[in-house]
């Protein structure tokens, strides 16, 4: 559950109900397997959607 490009991992916090009772929860990064070109070589990485979007922008403008 880690983005292999930016290192994004799950974050922790609390759900807070109307009565202010706190229960533990996790926010998970949106990770997807993707094939990306790095230094002219195709690599299969697990990337978050933010990194996928950035990679798409870089390829599109290049």
Protein backbone atom coordinates (compact mmCIF):
# COMPACT_ATOMS: atom_id res chain seq x y z
CA UNK A 1 0.00 0.00 0.00
CA UNK A 2 2.70 2.45 -0.94
CA UNK A 3 3.24 4.57 -4.04
CA UNK A 4 6.59 3.52 -5.47
CA UNK A 5 7.22 6.99 -6.94
CA UNK A 6 6.29 9.50 -4.23
CA UNK A 7 6.20 7.16 -1.19
CA UNK A 8 2.62 7.99 -0.21
CA UNK A 9 1.36 5.60 2.51
CA UNK A 10 -1.86 5.26 4.56
CA UNK A 11 -2.58 8.07 7.01
CA UNK A 12 -4.31 7.66 10.35
CA UNK A 13 -6.87 9.70 12.21
CA UNK A 14 -10.31 9.57 13.78
CA UNK A 15 -13.91 9.46 12.67
CA UNK A 16 -15.70 12.02 14.83
CA UNK A 17 -19.42 11.48 15.36
CA UNK A 18 -22.01 14.11 16.20
CA UNK A 19 -21.54 13.26 19.90
CA UNK A 20 -17.77 13.82 19.41
CA UNK A 21 -16.97 10.15 20.04
CA UNK A 22 -13.71 9.32 18.26
CA UNK A 23 -13.03 6.01 16.52
CA UNK A 24 -9.88 5.12 14.62
CA UNK A 25 -9.79 5.16 10.84
CA UNK A 26 -7.31 5.10 7.95
CA UNK A 27 -7.13 7.10 4.75
CA UNK A 28 -5.67 4.84 2.05
CA UNK A 29 -3.85 6.18 -1.02
CA UNK A 30 -5.51 5.37 -4.35
CA UNK A 31 -2.87 2.92 -5.65
CA UNK A 32 -3.00 1.29 -9.10
CA UNK A 33 -0.54 -0.92 -10.97
CA UNK A 34 0.78 0.90 -14.04
CA UNK A 35 3.41 0.52 -16.73
CA UNK A 36 5.53 3.67 -16.90
CA UNK A 37 8.50 4.66 -19.05
CA UNK A 38 11.45 5.67 -16.88
CA UNK A 39 14.78 6.54 -18.57
CA UNK A 40 13.56 4.89 -21.78
CA UNK A 41 12.67 1.60 -20.09
CA UNK A 42 9.19 0.27 -19.34
CA UNK A 43 8.69 -0.49 -15.66
CA UNK A 44 5.68 -1.90 -13.83
CA UNK A 45 5.04 0.15 -10.69
CA UNK A 46 2.30 0.62 -8.11
CA UNK A 47 1.47 4.33 -8.36
CA UNK A 48 -1.03 6.65 -6.71
CA UNK A 49 -3.44 8.39 -9.05
CA UNK A 50 -1.71 11.73 -8.48
CA UNK A 51 1.57 10.33 -9.83
CA UNK A 52 -0.25 8.69 -12.77
CA UNK A 53 -1.84 12.03 -13.62
CA UNK A 54 1.52 13.82 -13.42
CA UNK A 55 3.18 11.16 -15.60
CA UNK A 56 0.40 11.52 -18.17
CA UNK A 57 0.92 15.31 -18.23
CA UNK A 58 4.70 14.93 -18.68
CA UNK A 59 4.27 12.46 -21.56
CA UNK A 60 1.56 14.59 -23.19
CA UNK A 61 3.67 17.77 -23.26
CA UNK A 62 6.91 16.06 -24.31
